[in-house]
Amino acid sequence: MTDRPTIADSEPRSAFYGRRVGKALRGQQQDAIARLLPRRRFALEEAADPRALFAHDPAELRLEIGFGGGEHLIAHAARRPQAGFIGVEPFVNGMARMLVDLEKTDLANIRVIDLDAALVLARLPRGCLAGVDLFYPDPWPKRRHWKRRFVNPDNLDLIAGALAPGAEFRFASDVPHYVGWTLAEVRRHGAFRWTASTARDWTQPFVHWSGTRYEAKARGDGRTPTYLTFVRT
């Protein structure tokens, strides 16, 4: 077990800037939020003891930030039934889509929360995570909005604190400027090592990559994804 941090007075306030609700929920999605979310959701305070979120004793813990429709989260959890997966998604429509698909499985190793990921990261014990994934985050393309991007020094501090030494932080985007931004911010931070040694390393999907709906749309529109892997030093 890892030591739990003391929650400082400077614990981050929610800085989530994206939409929380899109189109009105109907049918299965409305039912998913009303019936399924209470079964899978955990309270923010429970993040201080993440292993207790699961009925089994997970061999490792992994976090996906902004899982969208949950395609990767569900596929990843199915491949690693011995692990515990924490999914964070404030967008109600994405949460509903994931829960509808999750109910079709017998997976018991996924717990979710619909808050700002920074708040969750701040509560997690230091070094408790074997991996953090951030795929296709909102790029906030206008210059005046760049400060809203999730990859920033404060959030990298939180990710670095929650990751165990040698654990991976993986990032994917189809927006070249955000890719460059992420490389610059992560390398400047100093707590991570970029694993790429050739250009092929960041143009090839991750091992066992299941893809996402957003990625399929990006490729259909002619945009090329980039895949970055960083190791916590």
Protein backbone atom coordinates (compact mmCIF):
# COMPACT_ATOMS: atom_id res chain seq x y z
CA MET A 1 0.00 0.00 0.00
CA THR A 2 1.15 3.53 -0.70
CA ASP A 3 1.08 6.37 1.78
CA ARG A 4 -1.88 8.65 1.53
CA PRO A 5 -1.18 12.36 1.03
CA THR A 6 -2.46 15.03 3.32
CA ILE A 7 -5.11 17.02 1.46
CA ALA A 8 -3.66 20.51 1.48
CA ASP A 9 -5.63 23.71 1.83
CA SER A 10 -4.56 24.42 -1.74
CA GLU A 11 -6.44 21.42 -3.15
CA PRO A 12 -7.45 22.43 -6.69
CA ARG A 13 -10.88 23.79 -7.33
CA SER A 14 -12.77 22.42 -10.28
CA ALA A 15 -11.40 23.96 -13.48
CA PHE A 16 -13.48 21.93 -15.94
CA TYR A 17 -14.24 24.15 -18.93
CA GLY A 18 -15.95 21.74 -21.33
CA ARG A 19 -19.62 21.04 -21.85
CA ARG A 20 -21.33 18.88 -19.25
CA VAL A 21 -24.48 18.19 -21.27
CA GLY A 22 -25.01 17.89 -25.03
CA LYS A 23 -28.19 16.67 -26.68
CA ALA A 24 -31.09 15.77 -24.39
CA LEU A 25 -30.80 12.20 -23.14
CA ARG A 26 -33.49 9.77 -24.23
CA GLY A 27 -34.35 6.12 -23.78
CA GLN A 28 -31.42 3.92 -22.82
CA GLN A 29 -29.08 6.82 -22.07
CA GLN A 30 -31.54 8.49 -19.72
CA ASP A 31 -32.10 5.16 -18.00
CA ALA A 32 -28.34 4.62 -17.74
CA ILE A 33 -27.83 7.85 -15.81
CA ALA A 34 -30.79 7.22 -13.52
CA ARG A 35 -30.28 3.50 -12.89
CA LEU A 36 -26.69 2.53 -13.72
CA LEU A 37 -24.63 5.57 -12.70
CA PRO A 38 -25.43 5.22 -8.97
CA ARG A 39 -24.09 1.64 -9.09
CA ARG A 40 -20.77 2.58 -10.67
CA ARG A 41 -20.16 6.10 -9.37
CA PHE A 42 -17.98 6.76 -6.34
CA ALA A 43 -17.83 9.85 -4.15
CA LEU A 44 -14.83 12.14 -4.43
CA GLU A 45 -13.82 11.40 -0.84
CA GLU A 46 -13.55 7.70 -1.67
CA ALA A 47 -10.65 8.39 -4.04
CA ALA A 48 -8.41 8.59 -0.96
CA ASP A 49 -8.64 4.78 -0.73
CA PRO A 50 -9.04 3.70 -4.38
CA ARG A 51 -8.49 -0.02 -3.81
CA ALA A 52 -11.58 -0.08 -1.61
CA LEU A 53 -13.67 0.97 -4.62
CA PHE A 54 -13.53 -2.59 -5.97
CA ALA A 55 -14.96 -5.85 -4.70
CA HIS A 56 -11.74 -7.64 -5.64
CA ASP A 57 -8.24 -6.65 -4.54
CA PRO A 58 -6.92 -5.13 -7.78
CA ALA A 59 -3.44 -6.07 -8.90
CA GLU A 60 -3.02 -2.51 -10.14
CA LEU A 61 -4.99 0.70 -10.55
CA ARG A 62 -5.40 2.68 -13.77
CA LEU A 63 -7.10 5.98 -14.55
CA GLU A 64 -8.62 7.23 -17.79
CA ILE A 65 -9.30 10.97 -17.96
CA GLY A 66 -12.22 11.99 -20.17
CA PHE A 67 -13.19 8.54 -21.48
CA GLY A 68 -15.82 9.90 -23.89
CA GLY A 69 -18.06 7.04 -25.03
CA GLY A 70 -15.95 4.55 -23.08
CA GLU A 71 -14.78 2.40 -25.98
CA HIS A 72 -11.19 2.24 -24.79
CA LEU A 73 -12.02 2.08 -21.09
CA ILE A 74 -14.26 -0.96 -21.51
CA ALA A 75 -11.84 -2.74 -23.86
CA HIS A 76 -8.89 -2.02 -21.55
CA ALA A 77 -10.77 -3.29 -18.48
CA ALA A 78 -11.80 -6.45 -20.34
CA ARG A 79 -8.16 -7.21 -21.17
CA ARG A 80 -7.05 -6.69 -17.56
CA PRO A 81 -9.75 -8.18 -15.32
CA GLN A 82 -7.31 -8.34 -12.41
CA ALA A 83 -6.84 -4.54 -12.47
CA GLY A 84 -9.08 -1.77 -11.18
CA PHE A 85 -10.07 1.01 -13.59
CA ILE A 86 -11.14 4.51 -12.61
CA GLY A 87 -12.91 6.46 -15.35
CA VAL A 88 -13.47 10.20 -15.17
CA GLU A 89 -15.96 11.87 -17.52
CA PRO A 90 -17.88 15.07 -16.66
CA PHE A 91 -19.78 15.04 -20.00
CA VAL A 92 -23.15 13.45 -19.22
CA ASN A 93 -23.77 12.17 -22.74
CA GLY A 94 -20.44 10.35 -22.85
CA MET A 95 -21.05 8.85 -19.41
CA ALA A 96 -24.47 7.60 -20.53
CA ARG A 97 -23.11 5.99 -23.71
CA MET A 98 -20.40 4.20 -21.75
CA LEU A 99 -22.82 2.90 -19.13
CA VAL A 100 -25.17 1.50 -21.79
CA ASP A 101 -22.29 -0.46 -23.32
CA LEU A 102 -20.85 -1.46 -19.95
CA GLU A 103 -24.12 -3.07 -18.87
CA LYS A 104 -23.79 -5.49 -21.80
CA THR A 105 -20.63 -6.89 -20.19
CA ASP A 106 -19.95 -8.65 -16.89
CA LEU A 107 -17.08 -6.31 -16.00
CA ALA A 108 -16.89 -5.44 -12.31
CA ASN A 109 -13.53 -3.67 -12.42
CA ILE A 110 -14.68 -0.21 -13.56
CA ARG A 111 -15.74 2.65 -11.27
CA VAL A 112 -16.55 6.11 -12.56
CA ILE A 113 -16.99 9.70 -11.47
CA ASP A 114 -18.44 12.71 -13.29
CA LEU A 115 -16.21 15.47 -11.89
CA ASP A 116 -13.09 17.37 -12.92
CA ALA A 117 -10.21 14.89 -13.11
CA ALA A 118 -7.91 17.28 -11.25
CA LEU A 119 -10.08 16.93 -8.15
CA VAL A 120 -9.82 13.15 -8.33
CA LEU A 121 -6.06 13.16 -8.90
CA ALA A 122 -5.59 15.43 -5.89
CA ARG A 123 -7.30 12.87 -3.64
CA LEU A 124 -5.49 9.76 -4.83
CA PRO A 125 -2.64 8.34 -2.72
CA ARG A 126 0.82 9.09 -4.03
CA GLY A 127 2.21 6.49 -6.37
CA CYS A 128 -0.99 4.42 -6.44
CA LEU A 129 -1.53 4.32 -10.24
CA ALA A 130 0.04 1.99 -12.79
CA GLY A 131 -1.11 4.19 -15.66
CA VAL A 132 -2.95 7.36 -16.66
CA ASP A 133 -4.56 7.78 -20.08
CA LEU A 134 -5.66 11.04 -21.69
CA PHE A 135 -7.05 10.50 -25.18
CA TYR A 136 -8.38 13.20 -27.50
CA PRO A 137 -8.92 15.92 -24.89
CA ASP A 138 -10.55 19.18 -25.93
CA PRO A 139 -7.74 21.05 -27.76
CA TRP A 140 -9.13 24.52 -27.07
CA PRO A 141 -7.73 25.75 -30.41
CA LYS A 142 -8.11 29.50 -29.83
CA ARG A 143 -5.00 31.04 -28.32
CA ARG A 144 -6.93 32.82 -25.58
CA HIS A 145 -8.25 29.43 -24.44
CA TRP A 146 -4.96 27.52 -24.32
CA LYS A 147 -4.84 27.99 -20.54
CA ARG A 148 -7.88 25.69 -20.39
CA ARG A 149 -6.02 22.70 -21.82
CA PHE A 150 -5.79 19.83 -19.38
CA VAL A 151 -2.08 19.38 -19.97
CA ASN A 152 -0.57 22.13 -17.84
CA PRO A 153 2.04 22.28 -15.06
CA ASP A 154 -0.47 21.97 -12.20
CA ASN A 155 -2.20 18.92 -13.64
CA LEU A 156 1.12 17.33 -14.56
CA ASP A 157 2.12 17.72 -10.91
CA LEU A 158 -1.03 15.82 -9.94
CA ILE A 159 -0.46 13.07 -12.52
CA ALA A 160 3.17 12.69 -11.50
CA GLY A 161 2.18 12.44 -7.85
CA ALA A 162 -0.41 9.73 -8.47
CA LEU A 163 1.75 7.60 -10.78
CA ALA A 164 4.15 5.01 -9.44
CA PRO A 165 7.77 5.20 -10.66
CA GLY A 166 7.95 3.49 -14.05
CA ALA A 167 4.21 3.90 -14.67
CA GLU A 168 2.99 5.35 -17.97
CA PHE A 169 1.14 8.51 -18.89
CA ARG A 170 -0.32 8.06 -22.39
CA PHE A 171 -1.71 10.85 -24.56
CA ALA A 172 -3.37 10.79 -27.98
CA SER A 173 -4.62 13.65 -30.17
CA ASP A 174 -5.30 14.48 -33.78
CA VAL A 175 -4.43 18.17 -33.26
CA PRO A 176 -0.74 18.83 -34.12
CA HIS A 177 -0.54 21.99 -32.03
CA TYR A 178 -1.83 20.24 -28.92
CA VAL A 179 0.61 17.38 -29.52
CA GLY A 180 3.50 19.85 -29.67
CA TRP A 181 2.13 21.67 -26.64
CA THR A 182 1.97 18.42 -24.67
CA LEU A 183 5.49 17.40 -25.61
CA ALA A 184 6.82 20.79 -24.54
CA GLU A 185 4.88 20.87 -21.25
CA VAL A 186 5.70 17.29 -20.24
CA ARG A 187 9.38 17.54 -21.09
CA ARG A 188 9.63 20.88 -19.30
CA HIS A 189 7.98 19.38 -16.22
CA GLY A 190 10.85 16.99 -15.62
CA ALA A 191 9.02 14.09 -13.92
CA PHE A 192 8.52 12.09 -17.13
CA ARG A 193 10.60 10.47 -19.85
CA TRP A 194 9.26 10.34 -23.41
CA THR A 195 9.72 6.76 -24.66
CA ALA A 196 9.90 7.46 -28.42
CA SER A 197 13.15 6.73 -30.23
CA THR A 198 11.94 6.94 -33.84
CA ALA A 199 9.16 8.79 -35.67
CA ARG A 200 7.28 5.52 -36.06
CA ASP A 201 6.90 5.34 -32.27
CA TRP A 202 4.47 8.26 -32.15
CA THR A 203 2.58 7.48 -35.35
CA GLN A 204 1.67 3.90 -34.40
CA PRO A 205 -1.26 3.24 -32.04
CA PHE A 206 -0.58 1.89 -28.58
CA VAL A 207 -0.30 -1.88 -28.11
CA HIS A 208 -3.79 -3.45 -27.95
CA TRP A 209 -5.28 -0.11 -28.99
CA SER A 210 -9.04 -0.45 -29.46
CA GLY A 211 -9.58 3.02 -30.89
CA THR A 212 -12.40 5.40 -30.06
CA ARG A 213 -15.40 6.85 -31.87
CA TYR A 214 -13.70 10.22 -31.93
CA GLU A 215 -10.57 8.77 -33.49
CA ALA A 216 -12.60 7.01 -36.19
CA LYS A 217 -14.27 10.32 -37.03
CA ALA A 218 -10.91 12.13 -37.08
CA ARG A 219 -9.44 9.59 -39.49
CA GLY A 220 -12.56 9.81 -41.63
CA ASP A 221 -12.05 13.56 -41.83
CA GLY A 222 -8.42 13.07 -42.88
CA ARG A 223 -6.79 13.97 -39.56
CA THR A 224 -3.84 11.86 -38.40
CA PRO A 225 -3.62 10.87 -34.72
CA THR A 226 -0.41 11.01 -32.71
CA TYR A 227 0.29 8.69 -29.77
CA LEU A 228 2.66 9.74 -26.99
CA THR A 229 3.88 7.58 -24.11
CA PHE A 230 5.71 9.03 -21.11
CA VAL A 231 7.18 7.10 -18.18
CA ARG A 232 7.19 8.45 -14.64
CA THR A 233 10.82 8.73 -13.55
